[in-house]
Amino acid sequence: MTTKKTALEEHDDALNEEQVLAGVPALLPAEQFRQRQRSAITKMFSRLRGVIDDDGNVDLEDEDTLALFLDLLADADEFFETIAADKAAYAEWSTGLKDSEQIFGTLIAKYGRAVGE
Protein backbone atom coordinates (compact mmCIF):
# COMPACT_ATOMS: atom_id res chain seq x y z
CA MET A 1 0.00 0.00 0.00
CA THR A 2 1.34 3.42 -0.99
CA THR A 3 0.76 6.28 1.38
CA LYS A 4 0.45 9.84 0.18
CA LYS A 5 3.07 12.21 1.57
CA THR A 6 2.01 15.18 3.61
CA ALA A 7 2.79 18.68 2.41
CA LEU A 8 5.50 18.90 5.08
CA GLU A 9 7.11 15.65 3.91
CA GLU A 10 7.05 16.86 0.30
CA HIS A 11 8.59 20.17 1.38
CA ASP A 12 11.33 18.33 3.31
CA ASP A 13 12.03 16.12 0.29
CA ALA A 14 12.32 19.19 -1.94
CA LEU A 15 14.72 20.87 0.50
CA ASN A 16 16.85 17.73 0.70
CA GLU A 17 16.90 17.47 -3.10
CA GLU A 18 17.90 21.13 -3.31
CA GLN A 19 20.79 20.57 -0.87
CA VAL A 20 22.04 17.44 -2.67
CA LEU A 21 21.93 19.17 -6.06
CA ALA A 22 23.53 22.44 -4.95
CA GLY A 23 26.44 23.15 -7.26
CA VAL A 24 25.20 21.03 -10.18
CA PRO A 25 25.81 22.99 -13.39
CA ALA A 26 22.79 24.20 -15.36
CA LEU A 27 20.99 21.37 -17.15
CA LEU A 28 18.30 21.36 -19.82
CA PRO A 29 14.83 21.30 -18.21
CA ALA A 30 12.94 18.03 -18.70
CA GLU A 31 10.09 19.78 -20.51
CA GLN A 32 12.56 20.60 -23.32
CA PHE A 33 13.67 16.98 -23.80
CA ARG A 34 13.38 15.31 -27.15
CA GLN A 35 12.17 11.71 -27.36
CA ARG A 36 15.69 10.22 -27.12
CA GLN A 37 16.35 12.14 -23.91
CA ARG A 38 12.96 11.23 -22.41
CA SER A 39 13.56 7.58 -23.25
CA ALA A 40 17.08 7.61 -21.80
CA ILE A 41 16.07 9.13 -18.46
CA THR A 42 13.01 6.89 -18.20
CA LYS A 43 15.22 3.81 -18.65
CA MET A 44 17.73 5.09 -16.11
CA PHE A 45 14.92 5.81 -13.62
CA SER A 46 13.64 2.26 -14.09
CA ARG A 47 17.15 0.86 -13.57
CA LEU A 48 17.56 2.98 -10.42
CA ARG A 49 14.31 1.64 -8.97
CA GLY A 50 15.58 -1.86 -9.77
CA VAL A 51 18.71 -1.53 -7.61
CA ILE A 52 17.39 0.37 -4.59
CA ASP A 53 15.43 -1.15 -1.74
CA ASP A 54 12.31 0.29 -0.11
CA ASP A 55 14.47 2.58 2.05
CA GLY A 56 16.33 3.99 -0.96
CA ASN A 57 19.54 2.07 -0.29
CA VAL A 58 21.69 -0.02 -2.63
CA ASP A 59 23.08 -3.36 -1.44
CA LEU A 60 26.75 -2.71 -2.17
CA GLU A 61 27.67 -6.15 -0.80
CA ASP A 62 25.87 -7.88 -3.69
CA GLU A 63 28.30 -7.91 -6.62
CA ASP A 64 25.60 -8.03 -9.29
CA THR A 65 23.68 -5.13 -7.76
CA LEU A 66 26.89 -3.16 -7.33
CA ALA A 67 27.85 -3.70 -10.99
CA LEU A 68 24.39 -2.60 -12.17
CA PHE A 69 24.57 0.48 -9.95
CA LEU A 70 28.06 1.48 -11.11
CA ASP A 71 27.03 1.11 -14.77
CA LEU A 72 23.98 3.25 -14.05
CA LEU A 73 26.12 5.99 -12.47
CA ALA A 74 28.48 6.02 -15.46
CA ASP A 75 25.53 6.22 -17.87
CA ALA A 76 24.00 9.01 -15.79
CA ASP A 77 27.23 11.03 -15.87
CA GLU A 78 27.37 10.73 -19.66
CA PHE A 79 23.67 11.57 -20.05
CA PHE A 80 23.74 14.65 -17.85
CA GLU A 81 26.82 15.92 -19.66
CA THR A 82 24.80 15.80 -22.91
CA ILE A 83 22.10 18.04 -21.43
CA ALA A 84 24.47 20.45 -19.68
CA ALA A 85 24.22 24.07 -20.76
CA ASP A 86 28.03 24.31 -20.57
CA LYS A 87 29.62 20.94 -21.27
CA ALA A 88 33.11 22.08 -20.25
CA ALA A 89 31.82 23.36 -16.90
CA TYR A 90 29.95 20.09 -16.40
CA ALA A 91 33.07 18.02 -17.15
CA GLU A 92 35.09 20.09 -14.69
CA TRP A 93 32.38 19.74 -12.01
CA SER A 94 32.01 15.99 -12.59
CA THR A 95 35.72 15.21 -12.44
CA GLY A 96 36.55 13.83 -8.99
CA LEU A 97 32.99 14.42 -7.83
CA LYS A 98 32.34 13.50 -4.20
CA ASP A 99 29.01 11.85 -3.28
CA SER A 100 28.36 11.09 -6.95
CA GLU A 101 26.10 8.18 -6.00
CA GLN A 102 23.72 10.46 -4.11
CA ILE A 103 23.92 13.29 -6.64
CA PHE A 104 23.34 11.15 -9.73
CA GLY A 105 20.66 9.10 -7.97
CA THR A 106 18.85 12.31 -7.06
CA LEU A 107 19.21 13.72 -10.58
CA ILE A 108 17.88 10.51 -12.13
CA ALA A 109 14.89 10.49 -9.78
CA LYS A 110 14.18 14.20 -10.28
CA TYR A 111 14.29 14.02 -14.07
CA GLY A 112 12.58 10.61 -14.16
CA ARG A 113 9.64 11.98 -12.17
CA ALA A 114 9.50 15.12 -14.33
CA VAL A 115 9.38 13.13 -17.56
CA GLY A 116 6.78 10.77 -16.12
CA GLU A 117 4.40 13.57 -15.16
C-alpha atoms as a PDB file:
ATOM      1  CA  MET A   1       0.000   0.000   0.000  1.00  0.00           C
ATOM      2  CA  THR A   2       1.344   3.415  -0.993  1.00  0.00           C
ATOM      3  CA  THR A   3       0.760   6.276   1.384  1.00  0.00           C
ATOM      4  CA  LYS A   4       0.452   9.844   0.184  1.00  0.00           C
ATOM      5  CA  LYS A   5       3.073  12.208   1.567  1.00  0.00           C
ATOM      6  CA  THR A   6       2.010  15.175   3.607  1.00  0.00           C
ATOM      7  CA  ALA A   7       2.791  18.678   2.407  1.00  0.00           C
ATOM      8  CA  LEU A   8       5.505  18.896   5.079  1.00  0.00           C
ATOM      9  CA  GLU A   9       7.114  15.648   3.905  1.00  0.00           C
ATOM     10  CA  GLU A  10       7.049  16.860   0.295  1.00  0.00           C
ATOM     11  CA  HIS A  11       8.586  20.170   1.381  1.00  0.00           C
ATOM     12  CA  ASP A  12      11.330  18.335   3.313  1.00  0.00           C
ATOM     13  CA  ASP A  13      12.030  16.119   0.292  1.00  0.00           C
ATOM     14  CA  ALA A  14      12.318  19.188  -1.941  1.00  0.00           C
ATOM     15  CA  LEU A  15      14.721  20.868   0.499  1.00  0.00           C
ATOM     16  CA  ASN A  16      16.853  17.725   0.697  1.00  0.00           C
ATOM     17  CA  GLU A  17      16.904  17.472  -3.096  1.00  0.00           C
ATOM     18  CA  GLU A  18      17.905  21.126  -3.314  1.00  0.00           C
ATOM     19  CA  GLN A  19      20.786  20.566  -0.872  1.00  0.00           C
ATOM     20  CA  VAL A  20      22.039  17.440  -2.673  1.00  0.00           C
ATOM     21  CA  LEU A  21      21.929  19.168  -6.060  1.00  0.00           C
ATOM     22  CA  ALA A  22      23.527  22.439  -4.946  1.00  0.00           C
ATOM     23  CA  GLY A  23      26.435  23.153  -7.260  1.00  0.00           C
ATOM     24  CA  VAL A  24      25.204  21.035 -10.179  1.00  0.00           C
ATOM     25  CA  PRO A  25      25.814  22.989 -13.395  1.00  0.00           C
ATOM     26  CA  ALA A  26      22.794  24.195 -15.363  1.00  0.00           C
ATOM     27  CA  LEU A  27      20.986  21.366 -17.151  1.00  0.00           C
ATOM     28  CA  LEU A  28      18.296  21.362 -19.818  1.00  0.00           C
ATOM     29  CA  PRO A  29      14.830  21.304 -18.213  1.00  0.00           C
ATOM     30  CA  ALA A  30      12.936  18.031 -18.700  1.00  0.00           C
ATOM     31  CA  GLU A  31      10.088  19.782 -20.514  1.00  0.00           C
ATOM     32  CA  GLN A  32      12.559  20.602 -23.322  1.00  0.00           C
ATOM     33  CA  PHE A  33      13.668  16.983 -23.795  1.00  0.00           C
ATOM     34  CA  ARG A  34      13.382  15.310 -27.154  1.00  0.00           C
ATOM     35  CA  GLN A  35      12.172  11.713 -27.358  1.00  0.00           C
ATOM     36  CA  ARG A  36      15.690  10.216 -27.121  1.00  0.00           C
ATOM     37  CA  GLN A  37      16.350  12.139 -23.907  1.00  0.00           C
ATOM     38  CA  ARG A  38      12.959  11.230 -22.412  1.00  0.00           C
ATOM     39  CA  SER A  39      13.559   7.581 -23.253  1.00  0.00           C
ATOM     40  CA  ALA A  40      17.084   7.615 -21.800  1.00  0.00           C
ATOM     41  CA  ILE A  41      16.073   9.134 -18.461  1.00  0.00           C
ATOM     42  CA  THR A  42      13.012   6.889 -18.203  1.00  0.00           C
ATOM     43  CA  LYS A  43      15.221   3.805 -18.655  1.00  0.00           C
ATOM     44  CA  MET A  44      17.731   5.091 -16.107  1.00  0.00           C
ATOM     45  CA  PHE A  45      14.920   5.810 -13.618  1.00  0.00           C
ATOM     46  CA  SER A  46      13.644   2.260 -14.091  1.00  0.00           C
ATOM     47  CA  ARG A  47      17.149   0.859 -13.567  1.00  0.00           C
ATOM     48  CA  LEU A  48      17.558   2.978 -10.422  1.00  0.00           C
ATOM     49  CA  ARG A  49      14.315   1.643  -8.973  1.00  0.00           C
ATOM     50  CA  GLY A  50      15.581  -1.858  -9.770  1.00  0.00           C
ATOM     51  CA  VAL A  51      18.711  -1.532  -7.614  1.00  0.00           C
ATOM     52  CA  ILE A  52      17.388   0.372  -4.592  1.00  0.00           C
ATOM     53  CA  ASP A  53      15.428  -1.148  -1.737  1.00  0.00           C
ATOM     54  CA  ASP A  54      12.310   0.286  -0.107  1.00  0.00           C
ATOM     55  CA  ASP A  55      14.471   2.577   2.049  1.00  0.00           C
ATOM     56  CA  GLY A  56      16.329   3.986  -0.962  1.00  0.00           C
ATOM     57  CA  ASN A  57      19.541   2.066  -0.293  1.00  0.00           C
ATOM     58  CA  VAL A  58      21.688  -0.022  -2.635  1.00  0.00           C
ATOM     59  CA  ASP A  59      23.080  -3.360  -1.438  1.00  0.00           C
ATOM     60  CA  LEU A  60      26.755  -2.708  -2.173  1.00  0.00           C
ATOM     61  CA  GLU A  61      27.674  -6.151  -0.801  1.00  0.00           C
ATOM     62  CA  ASP A  62      25.871  -7.879  -3.686  1.00  0.00           C
ATOM     63  CA  GLU A  63      28.304  -7.906  -6.619  1.00  0.00           C
ATOM     64  CA  ASP A  64      25.599  -8.034  -9.295  1.00  0.00           C
ATOM     65  CA  THR A  65      23.681  -5.128  -7.764  1.00  0.00           C
ATOM     66  CA  LEU A  66      26.891  -3.157  -7.334  1.00  0.00           C
ATOM     67  CA  ALA A  67      27.852  -3.704 -10.992  1.00  0.00           C
ATOM     68  CA  LEU A  68      24.394  -2.605 -12.169  1.00  0.00           C
ATOM     69  CA  PHE A  69      24.567   0.481  -9.954  1.00  0.00           C
ATOM     70  CA  LEU A  70      28.056   1.476 -11.110  1.00  0.00           C
ATOM     71  CA  ASP A  71      27.026   1.106 -14.767  1.00  0.00           C
ATOM     72  CA  LEU A  72      23.979   3.252 -14.047  1.00  0.00           C
ATOM     73  CA  LEU A  73      26.123   5.986 -12.469  1.00  0.00           C
ATOM     74  CA  ALA A  74      28.484   6.015 -15.461  1.00  0.00           C
ATOM     75  CA  ASP A  75      25.533   6.217 -17.869  1.00  0.00           C
ATOM     76  CA  ALA A  76      24.003   9.010 -15.789  1.00  0.00           C
ATOM     77  CA  ASP A  77      27.225  11.027 -15.867  1.00  0.00           C
ATOM     78  CA  GLU A  78      27.369  10.731 -19.659  1.00  0.00           C
ATOM     79  CA  PHE A  79      23.671  11.570 -20.053  1.00  0.00           C
ATOM     80  CA  PHE A  80      23.742  14.655 -17.846  1.00  0.00           C
ATOM     81  CA  GLU A  81      26.819  15.916 -19.663  1.00  0.00           C
ATOM     82  CA  THR A  82      24.799  15.802 -22.915  1.00  0.00           C
ATOM     83  CA  ILE A  83      22.097  18.036 -21.428  1.00  0.00           C
ATOM     84  CA  ALA A  84      24.471  20.447 -19.677  1.00  0.00           C
ATOM     85  CA  ALA A  85      24.216  24.070 -20.761  1.00  0.00           C
ATOM     86  CA  ASP A  86      28.026  24.311 -20.574  1.00  0.00           C
ATOM     87  CA  LYS A  87      29.619  20.939 -21.267  1.00  0.00           C
ATOM     88  CA  ALA A  88      33.113  22.077 -20.254  1.00  0.00           C
ATOM     89  CA  ALA A  89      31.816  23.360 -16.900  1.00  0.00           C
ATOM     90  CA  TYR A  90      29.947  20.085 -16.396  1.00  0.00           C
ATOM     91  CA  ALA A  91      33.073  18.018 -17.153  1.00  0.00           C
ATOM     92  CA  GLU A  92      35.089  20.091 -14.687  1.00  0.00           C
ATOM     93  CA  TRP A  93      32.379  19.735 -12.015  1.00  0.00           C
ATOM     94  CA  SER A  94      32.009  15.995 -12.594  1.00  0.00           C
ATOM     95  CA  THR A  95      35.724  15.207 -12.436  1.00  0.00           C
ATOM     96  CA  GLY A  96      36.548  13.830  -8.989  1.00  0.00           C
ATOM     97  CA  LEU A  97      32.986  14.420  -7.833  1.00  0.00           C
ATOM     98  CA  LYS A  98      32.345  13.496  -4.197  1.00  0.00           C
ATOM     99  CA  ASP A  99      29.015  11.846  -3.278  1.00  0.00           C
ATOM    100  CA  SER A 100      28.362  11.089  -6.946  1.00  0.00           C
ATOM    101  CA  GLU A 101      26.095   8.182  -5.998  1.00  0.00           C
ATOM    102  CA  GLN A 102      23.723  10.460  -4.113  1.00  0.00           C
ATOM    103  CA  ILE A 103      23.921  13.293  -6.640  1.00  0.00           C
ATOM    104  CA  PHE A 104      23.340  11.149  -9.728  1.00  0.00           C
ATOM    105  CA  GLY A 105      20.656   9.100  -7.973  1.00  0.00           C
ATOM    106  CA  THR A 106      18.849  12.312  -7.058  1.00  0.00           C
ATOM    107  CA  LEU A 107      19.208  13.719 -10.581  1.00  0.00           C
ATOM    108  CA  ILE A 108      17.883  10.507 -12.133  1.00  0.00           C
ATOM    109  CA  ALA A 109      14.895  10.487  -9.776  1.00  0.00           C
ATOM    110  CA  LYS A 110      14.178  14.197 -10.281  1.00  0.00           C
ATOM    111  CA  TYR A 111      14.290  14.018 -14.066  1.00  0.00           C
ATOM    112  CA  GLY A 112      12.577  10.610 -14.162  1.00  0.00           C
ATOM    113  CA  ARG A 113       9.643  11.982 -12.174  1.00  0.00           C
ATOM    114  CA  ALA A 114       9.504  15.124 -14.331  1.00  0.00           C
ATOM    115  CA  VAL A 115       9.384  13.130 -17.564  1.00  0.00           C
ATOM    116  CA  GLY A 116       6.781  10.773 -16.120  1.00  0.00           C
ATOM    117  CA  GLU A 117       4.399  13.575 -15.162  1.00  0.00           C
END
